[in-house]
Protein backbone atom coordinates (compact mmCIF):
# COMPACT_ATOMS: atom_id res chain seq x y z
CA MET A 1 -0.19 -0.03 0.11
CA THR A 2 1.16 3.50 -0.75
CA ARG A 3 0.19 6.77 0.91
CA LEU A 4 1.09 10.15 -0.31
CA ARG A 5 0.39 13.80 0.70
CA PHE A 6 -0.20 16.99 -1.40
CA ARG A 7 -1.53 20.37 -1.33
CA MET A 8 -4.36 21.54 -3.39
CA ASN A 9 -5.31 25.18 -3.79
CA LEU A 10 -8.36 25.81 -6.33
CA ASN A 11 -10.44 29.00 -6.07
CA ALA A 12 -14.25 28.51 -6.14
CA GLN A 13 -14.15 29.04 -10.06
CA GLN A 14 -11.62 26.51 -10.81
CA ALA A 15 -13.11 23.81 -8.47
CA LEU A 16 -16.33 24.09 -10.39
CA ARG A 17 -15.05 22.88 -13.18
CA TYR A 18 -14.07 19.59 -11.42
CA TYR A 19 -17.57 19.46 -9.41
CA GLN A 20 -19.63 19.81 -12.70
CA GLY A 21 -17.32 17.15 -14.39
CA MET A 22 -16.08 19.51 -16.91
CA ALA A 23 -12.26 18.68 -15.95
CA ARG A 24 -12.08 15.01 -15.65
CA THR A 25 -8.74 14.25 -14.18
CA VAL A 26 -6.95 15.83 -11.52
CA ILE A 27 -2.96 16.28 -11.80
CA VAL A 28 -1.13 17.22 -8.37
CA THR A 29 2.65 16.90 -7.24
CA ALA A 30 3.16 15.22 -4.03
CA GLU A 31 5.61 16.29 -1.48
CA THR A 32 7.75 13.60 -2.60
CA GLY A 33 7.77 15.21 -6.00
CA GLN A 34 6.02 12.51 -7.77
CA ARG A 35 3.47 13.53 -10.18
CA LEU A 36 -0.21 12.22 -9.45
CA SER A 37 -3.28 11.64 -11.69
CA PHE A 38 -6.55 10.50 -10.52
CA PRO A 39 -10.32 11.10 -11.64
CA ALA A 40 -11.61 14.25 -10.25
CA GLU A 41 -14.69 12.60 -8.85
CA HIS A 42 -12.48 12.10 -5.92
CA ILE A 43 -12.46 15.60 -5.07
CA ARG A 44 -15.88 16.65 -5.29
CA GLN A 45 -16.62 15.89 -1.66
CA PHE A 46 -13.96 18.55 -0.63
CA VAL A 47 -15.39 21.27 -2.89
CA ASP A 48 -16.87 24.19 -0.78
CA SER A 49 -17.66 27.84 -1.45
CA SER A 50 -14.17 29.00 -1.28
CA GLY A 51 -12.99 26.04 -3.59
CA VAL A 52 -10.92 22.92 -2.43
CA ASN A 53 -8.24 23.87 -0.19
CA GLY A 54 -5.67 21.70 2.26
CA LEU A 55 -3.28 19.04 2.56
CA PHE A 56 -4.61 15.70 1.50
CA SER A 57 -3.33 12.04 1.96
CA ILE A 58 -3.98 9.69 -1.07
CA GLU A 59 -3.74 6.26 -0.87
CA PHE A 60 -3.09 3.28 -3.31
CA ASP A 61 -3.03 -0.60 -3.20
CA ASP A 62 -0.39 -2.54 -4.34
CA LYS A 63 -1.59 -2.44 -7.79
CA ASN A 64 -1.85 1.36 -7.95
CA LYS A 65 -5.83 1.33 -7.69
CA LEU A 66 -6.88 4.15 -5.63
CA ILE A 67 -8.28 3.56 -2.28
CA GLY A 68 -9.28 7.09 -1.15
CA ILE A 69 -8.35 10.52 -0.40
CA LYS A 70 -8.67 12.42 2.92
CA ARG A 71 -8.17 15.77 3.77
CA LEU A 72 -5.62 16.39 6.90
CA SER A 73 -5.87 19.99 7.28
CA TYR A 74 -6.93 23.18 5.56
């Protein structure tokens, strides 16, 4: 199992594209420097009136299948 952390700071207008499904893939850089790509549907739960902001943890199984994303802090 792999767990990585990343920061995301999207304003409300940017987050709306992910929430509405106009953008389908999220690409972020983990704290390790690795670039991660995952379906946008996984951040919809974190969208609020200010956008999507915070430090997140993402977890993958041994076959690199996404298990889940958690917000660690704002």
